[in-house]
């Protein structure tokens, strides 16, 4: 019975010997790095708060000024706090 997939075992000195697999892996890494760059850019554009209490105070102020419901969340990229719109 013929094999459906090429086995990836054994030494591979030429990356082109993997055929489309290498291109798929390269595309995945490019997508991941692009996604991270977009997240970092978005993080830099948002207001940054040192503590959750500071972010909550800003959210309350936004609510009284503009009627916008916001809630704080901890950013895993910068370690600070940002505000997001409250969906509920």
Protein backbone atom coordinates (compact mmCIF):
# COMPACT_ATOMS: atom_id res chain seq x y z
CA UNK A 1 0.00 0.00 0.00
CA UNK A 2 1.51 3.40 -0.94
CA UNK A 3 2.17 5.94 1.78
CA UNK A 4 0.08 9.09 1.80
CA UNK A 5 2.63 11.24 3.64
CA UNK A 6 6.36 11.56 3.38
CA UNK A 7 8.14 10.38 6.50
CA UNK A 8 10.16 13.13 8.17
CA UNK A 9 12.61 10.82 9.90
CA UNK A 10 16.29 10.55 9.15
CA UNK A 11 18.92 13.19 8.40
CA UNK A 12 17.88 16.04 6.13
CA UNK A 13 20.70 18.24 5.00
CA UNK A 14 18.78 20.13 2.35
CA UNK A 15 15.66 21.99 3.61
CA UNK A 16 14.19 21.77 0.11
CA UNK A 17 13.98 18.00 0.53
CA UNK A 18 10.95 18.52 2.78
CA UNK A 19 9.01 20.02 -0.10
CA UNK A 20 5.90 21.93 0.94
CA UNK A 21 6.39 21.20 4.63
CA UNK A 22 9.19 23.77 4.93
CA UNK A 23 7.09 26.44 3.23
CA UNK A 24 4.17 25.68 5.55
CA UNK A 25 6.41 25.99 8.60
CA UNK A 26 7.94 29.24 7.32
CA UNK A 27 4.47 30.63 6.61
CA UNK A 28 3.30 29.69 10.11
CA UNK A 29 6.28 31.45 11.73
CA UNK A 30 5.73 34.51 9.54
CA UNK A 31 2.06 34.62 10.57
CA UNK A 32 3.00 34.28 14.26
CA UNK A 33 5.63 37.03 14.10
CA UNK A 34 3.22 39.30 12.20
CA UNK A 35 0.50 38.64 14.77
CA UNK A 36 2.92 39.49 17.60
CA UNK A 37 4.00 42.71 15.86
CA UNK A 38 0.35 43.76 15.47
CA UNK A 39 -0.34 43.01 19.13
CA UNK A 40 2.74 45.00 20.22
CA UNK A 41 1.72 47.93 18.03
CA UNK A 42 -1.79 47.87 19.49
CA UNK A 43 -0.35 47.72 23.01
CA UNK A 44 1.80 50.80 22.37
CA UNK A 45 -1.21 52.75 21.10
CA UNK A 46 -3.36 52.03 24.17
CA UNK A 47 -3.35 53.95 27.40
CA UNK A 48 -1.08 52.28 29.94
CA UNK A 49 -1.75 52.09 33.69
CA UNK A 50 0.61 50.88 36.38
CA UNK A 51 -2.04 49.31 38.61
CA UNK A 52 -5.53 47.89 38.35
CA UNK A 53 -6.85 50.58 40.71
CA UNK A 54 -5.49 53.31 38.44
CA UNK A 55 -7.10 51.65 35.40
CA UNK A 56 -10.44 51.30 37.23
CA UNK A 57 -10.38 54.99 38.15
CA UNK A 58 -9.76 55.92 34.51
CA UNK A 59 -12.59 53.61 33.41
CA UNK A 60 -14.96 55.27 35.87
CA UNK A 61 -13.90 58.71 34.65
CA UNK A 62 -14.49 57.66 31.02
CA UNK A 63 -17.94 56.42 31.98
CA UNK A 64 -18.90 59.73 33.61
CA UNK A 65 -17.42 61.83 30.80
CA UNK A 66 -18.30 59.91 27.67
CA UNK A 67 -20.72 57.19 28.76
CA UNK A 68 -18.31 54.51 27.58
CA UNK A 69 -18.24 51.30 29.58
CA UNK A 70 -14.67 50.07 29.98
CA UNK A 71 -13.02 47.50 32.16
CA UNK A 72 -9.34 46.98 32.96
CA UNK A 73 -7.30 43.96 31.95
CA UNK A 74 -3.70 42.96 32.52
CA UNK A 75 -1.61 43.00 29.34
CA UNK A 76 0.60 39.95 28.89
CA UNK A 77 2.97 41.88 26.59
CA UNK A 78 3.87 44.94 28.69
CA UNK A 79 2.76 43.78 32.14
CA UNK A 80 0.69 46.93 32.65
CA UNK A 81 -3.04 47.50 32.58
CA UNK A 82 -5.20 48.65 29.65
CA UNK A 83 -8.90 49.32 29.23
CA UNK A 84 -11.19 47.35 26.97
CA UNK A 85 -14.80 47.98 26.03
CA UNK A 86 -17.27 46.10 28.18
CA UNK A 87 -19.40 43.79 26.05
CA UNK A 88 -21.90 42.89 28.75
